[in-house]
Amino acid sequence: MKKIAMPLAASLLIVSFLAFSPGPALAHEEMISGDIRIVGGWVNEPPLVGQLNGIGLEITRESDGQPITNAIAQLDVSVRKGTPTRSLDLVPQEEPGMYAARILPTQTGQYAVVIRGTVAGQAIDGQIEIEDVEDAARFNFPPASNGGSEIPQEVIEQLQTVITDLTVQVDEANVAAEEAKTAAASATESSSELKMAADRAYLFGIIGVGVAVAGIAIGVAALSRKEKV
């Protein structure tokens, strides 16, 4: 058994660089239309979310089991997951009657291969429900310490540090804004006081000038009286 399995694994590894080559059917399903038998399933089973895989079809005659070459020439094959569908670019494999297309499943659950068209003159219209896609976490080893879905503690600590720094910067900015507001108010108040002082000085100057003029007038009047006497 080991002598058979090792060459098979090696050949699958080589072919995967060009196209998928379906291996032994583990949970492949089939549909029969007239004399056409189509077996479909995942290339690698069990299929896992987030891992590159492929969907393979084996198309043969029901009557004699002979493979049908160029069977996909008039076939429209797509994969469906719920409502979304995607066309499959099937590629003939080295083994006659075998076809495969690459696909990377992104959700767990049931997938179906929808097949429409004709093969060797036989109308085909149906679908094959293939094996459910599973979560890869069930095969993890050793198990991830954080369950594989939580944010690492190191990242959380870094985020907390960043948030703390931003909070400090915001507080400092608020203090600076208050100081600027106070300084502006003080400057306004000082400006008002200077204006009042200037007004008082101007008023005192006017009064001084008036007193001086009055003194001169009184002096002139006094001199005039003295000359007359």
Protein backbone atom coordinates (compact mmCIF):
# COMPACT_ATOMS: atom_id res chain seq x y z
CA MET A 1 0.00 0.00 0.00
CA LYS A 2 2.84 2.44 0.89
CA LYS A 3 4.61 1.70 -2.41
CA ILE A 4 1.46 2.75 -4.28
CA ALA A 5 0.61 5.78 -2.15
CA MET A 6 4.04 7.46 -2.38
CA PRO A 7 4.26 7.60 -6.21
CA LEU A 8 0.64 8.78 -6.32
CA ALA A 9 1.36 11.62 -3.89
CA ALA A 10 4.45 12.63 -5.85
CA SER A 11 2.58 12.68 -9.15
CA LEU A 12 -0.22 14.79 -7.67
CA LEU A 13 2.35 17.27 -6.36
CA ILE A 14 3.92 17.66 -9.79
CA VAL A 15 0.66 17.97 -11.69
CA SER A 16 -0.69 20.59 -9.21
CA PHE A 17 1.63 23.19 -10.68
CA LEU A 18 -0.26 22.99 -13.97
CA ALA A 19 -3.70 21.64 -13.12
CA PHE A 20 -5.35 19.52 -10.49
CA SER A 21 -5.47 15.80 -11.02
CA PRO A 22 -8.36 14.09 -9.20
CA GLY A 23 -7.24 11.40 -6.78
CA PRO A 24 -9.21 8.49 -5.40
CA ALA A 25 -12.83 9.41 -4.79
CA LEU A 26 -13.53 9.71 -1.09
CA ALA A 27 -16.96 11.30 -1.13
CA HIS A 28 -17.61 11.91 -4.80
CA GLU A 29 -21.18 11.95 -6.07
CA GLU A 30 -22.53 11.07 -9.50
CA MET A 31 -25.29 11.96 -11.93
CA ILE A 32 -26.46 9.94 -14.92
CA SER A 33 -28.14 11.38 -18.01
CA GLY A 34 -28.96 8.77 -20.65
CA ASP A 35 -25.71 6.94 -21.39
CA ILE A 36 -23.53 9.64 -19.76
CA ARG A 37 -22.21 9.16 -16.24
CA ILE A 38 -20.58 12.11 -14.45
CA VAL A 39 -18.82 11.71 -11.10
CA GLY A 40 -17.80 14.89 -9.30
CA GLY A 41 -16.10 15.95 -6.10
CA TRP A 42 -13.22 17.79 -4.51
CA VAL A 43 -9.68 17.01 -5.65
CA ASN A 44 -8.38 17.15 -2.07
CA GLU A 45 -10.64 15.79 0.64
CA PRO A 46 -11.67 16.82 3.12
CA PRO A 47 -11.97 20.31 1.60
CA LEU A 48 -10.93 23.07 4.01
CA VAL A 49 -11.73 26.79 4.14
CA GLY A 50 -8.92 29.02 2.89
CA GLN A 51 -6.93 26.22 1.25
CA LEU A 52 -6.47 26.00 -2.51
CA ASN A 53 -8.35 23.01 -3.84
CA GLY A 54 -10.03 21.87 -7.02
CA ILE A 55 -13.24 20.34 -8.32
CA GLY A 56 -12.83 17.27 -10.47
CA LEU A 57 -15.22 15.55 -12.91
CA GLU A 58 -14.95 12.07 -14.39
CA ILE A 59 -17.13 11.67 -17.49
CA THR A 60 -17.71 8.18 -18.90
CA ARG A 61 -20.31 6.16 -20.82
CA GLU A 62 -22.72 4.38 -18.53
CA SER A 63 -23.08 1.45 -20.91
CA ASP A 64 -19.43 0.40 -21.12
CA GLY A 65 -17.57 2.67 -18.65
CA GLN A 66 -15.36 4.10 -21.37
CA PRO A 67 -14.04 7.64 -20.75
CA ILE A 68 -15.29 10.42 -23.00
CA THR A 69 -12.58 12.72 -24.32
CA ASN A 70 -13.32 16.39 -25.06
CA ALA A 71 -16.52 15.97 -23.09
CA ILE A 72 -16.51 19.56 -21.78
CA ALA A 73 -16.50 21.21 -25.22
CA GLN A 74 -20.24 21.92 -25.04
CA LEU A 75 -20.69 21.97 -21.28
CA ASP A 76 -21.28 24.93 -18.99
CA VAL A 77 -20.03 23.94 -15.54
CA SER A 78 -20.20 26.17 -12.46
CA VAL A 79 -19.97 25.84 -8.70
CA ARG A 80 -22.72 27.16 -6.44
CA LYS A 81 -22.68 28.04 -2.73
CA GLY A 82 -26.17 29.11 -1.74
CA THR A 83 -27.07 31.84 -4.23
CA PRO A 84 -23.61 32.89 -5.52
CA THR A 85 -22.25 30.92 -8.48
CA ARG A 86 -18.95 30.89 -10.31
CA SER A 87 -18.02 29.36 -13.65
CA LEU A 88 -15.39 26.63 -13.53
CA ASP A 89 -12.53 26.60 -16.03
CA LEU A 90 -12.20 22.84 -16.38
CA VAL A 91 -8.93 21.50 -17.75
CA PRO A 92 -8.52 17.99 -19.23
CA GLN A 93 -6.19 15.83 -17.14
CA GLU A 94 -3.69 13.20 -18.25
CA GLU A 95 -6.14 10.41 -17.54
CA PRO A 96 -8.84 10.27 -20.27
CA GLY A 97 -12.27 11.43 -19.19
CA MET A 98 -10.90 13.38 -16.20
CA TYR A 99 -11.33 17.16 -15.88
CA ALA A 100 -10.52 19.57 -13.05
CA ALA A 101 -10.64 23.26 -12.13
CA ARG A 102 -8.96 25.15 -9.32
CA ILE A 103 -10.98 26.78 -6.57
CA LEU A 104 -10.31 28.22 -3.12
CA PRO A 105 -13.35 27.72 -0.85
CA THR A 106 -13.95 30.66 1.49
CA GLN A 107 -16.96 29.39 3.45
CA THR A 108 -17.84 26.18 5.23
CA GLY A 109 -20.87 24.15 4.22
CA GLN A 110 -22.45 22.56 1.17
CA TYR A 111 -21.28 23.30 -2.39
CA ALA A 112 -22.87 22.08 -5.62
CA VAL A 113 -21.52 21.63 -9.14
CA VAL A 114 -24.09 22.73 -11.74
CA ILE A 115 -23.71 21.09 -15.17
CA ARG A 116 -25.61 22.13 -18.30
CA GLY A 117 -25.06 21.42 -22.00
CA THR A 118 -24.47 18.32 -24.08
CA VAL A 119 -22.00 15.45 -24.02
CA ALA A 120 -21.75 13.18 -27.06
CA GLY A 121 -25.16 14.41 -28.21
CA GLN A 122 -26.78 13.74 -24.82
CA ALA A 123 -28.43 16.72 -23.09
CA ILE A 124 -27.15 17.35 -19.58
CA ASP A 125 -28.95 19.50 -17.02
CA GLY A 126 -28.39 18.83 -13.35
CA GLN A 127 -26.14 19.28 -10.38
CA ILE A 128 -23.91 17.28 -8.07
CA GLU A 129 -23.79 18.14 -4.37
CA ILE A 130 -20.21 17.60 -3.27
CA GLU A 131 -18.71 17.15 0.19
CA ASP A 132 -19.16 19.96 2.73
CA VAL A 133 -16.23 22.32 3.20
CA GLU A 134 -14.86 22.19 6.75
CA ASP A 135 -13.13 24.66 9.05
CA ALA A 136 -9.38 24.14 8.96
CA ALA A 137 -9.16 24.91 12.70
CA ARG A 138 -10.18 21.37 13.59
CA PHE A 139 -6.91 20.13 12.09
CA ASN A 140 -4.65 22.70 13.77
CA PHE A 141 -1.76 21.30 15.77
CA PRO A 142 -0.55 22.40 18.15
CA PRO A 143 -3.66 24.40 19.00
CA ALA A 144 -3.24 28.15 18.84
CA SER A 145 -3.06 29.66 22.34
CA ASN A 146 -5.54 32.38 21.46
CA GLY A 147 -7.97 30.08 19.63
CA GLY A 148 -6.90 31.51 16.28
CA SER A 149 -9.67 34.13 16.33
CA GLU A 150 -8.73 36.54 19.13
CA ILE A 151 -6.40 39.52 18.80
CA PRO A 152 -2.90 38.69 20.14
CA GLN A 153 -2.14 40.18 23.56
CA GLU A 154 0.93 41.93 22.17
CA VAL A 155 -1.21 43.80 19.65
CA ILE A 156 -3.70 44.77 22.36
CA GLU A 157 -0.90 46.17 24.54
CA GLN A 158 0.48 48.19 21.63
CA LEU A 159 -2.96 49.62 20.91
CA GLN A 160 -3.41 50.54 24.56
CA THR A 161 -0.06 52.35 24.54
CA VAL A 162 -1.01 54.30 21.42
CA ILE A 163 -4.39 55.24 22.92
CA THR A 164 -2.72 56.41 26.16
CA ASP A 165 -0.24 58.57 24.24
CA LEU A 166 -3.03 60.11 22.19
CA THR A 167 -5.02 60.85 25.37
CA VAL A 168 -2.02 62.63 26.93
CA GLN A 169 -1.51 64.66 23.76
CA VAL A 170 -5.17 65.67 23.71
CA ASP A 171 -5.00 66.76 27.37
CA GLU A 172 -1.85 68.80 26.68
CA ALA A 173 -3.52 70.42 23.69
CA ASN A 174 -6.53 71.36 25.83
CA VAL A 175 -4.26 72.93 28.48
CA ALA A 176 -2.39 74.91 25.83
CA ALA A 177 -5.68 76.12 24.37
CA GLU A 178 -6.88 77.31 27.79
CA GLU A 179 -3.59 79.12 28.40
CA ALA A 180 -3.81 80.82 25.01
CA LYS A 181 -7.39 81.85 25.76
CA THR A 182 -6.36 83.29 29.13
CA ALA A 183 -3.43 85.16 27.57
CA ALA A 184 -5.71 86.62 24.90
CA ALA A 185 -8.16 87.77 27.55
CA SER A 186 -5.32 89.31 29.58
CA ALA A 187 -3.99 91.08 26.52
CA THR A 188 -7.43 92.50 25.80
CA GLU A 189 -7.79 93.68 29.39
CA SER A 190 -4.31 95.27 29.34
CA SER A 191 -5.14 97.03 26.10
CA SER A 192 -8.28 98.50 27.66
CA GLU A 193 -6.34 99.71 30.71
CA LEU A 194 -3.68 101.35 28.52
CA LYS A 195 -6.37 103.11 26.54
CA MET A 196 -7.98 104.44 29.74
CA ALA A 197 -4.60 105.65 31.04
CA ALA A 198 -3.90 107.43 27.74
CA ASP A 199 -7.31 109.08 27.88
CA ARG A 200 -6.67 110.26 31.44
CA ALA A 201 -3.25 111.60 30.48
CA TYR A 202 -4.76 113.46 27.53
CA LEU A 203 -7.44 114.96 29.78
CA PHE A 204 -4.89 116.04 32.36
CA GLY A 205 -2.81 117.57 29.59
CA ILE A 206 -5.76 119.60 28.32
CA ILE A 207 -6.52 120.79 31.85
CA GLY A 208 -2.86 121.72 32.35
CA VAL A 209 -2.83 123.72 29.12
CA GLY A 210 -6.03 125.47 30.16
CA VAL A 211 -4.60 126.37 33.55
CA ALA A 212 -1.44 127.67 31.93
CA VAL A 213 -3.41 129.84 29.49
CA ALA A 214 -5.53 131.17 32.35
CA GLY A 215 -2.39 132.02 34.34
CA ILE A 216 -0.88 133.88 31.42
CA ALA A 217 -4.12 135.83 30.91
CA ILE A 218 -4.22 136.80 34.59
CA GLY A 219 -0.59 137.86 34.47
CA VAL A 220 -1.12 140.05 31.41
CA ALA A 221 -4.16 141.68 33.05
CA ALA A 222 -2.22 142.42 36.20
CA LEU A 223 0.63 144.07 34.28
CA SER A 224 -1.83 146.24 32.38
CA ARG A 225 -3.36 147.62 35.61
CA LYS A 226 0.09 148.38 37.08
CA GLU A 227 1.11 150.51 34.05
CA LYS A 228 -2.06 152.58 34.25
CA VAL A 229 -1.43 153.40 37.89
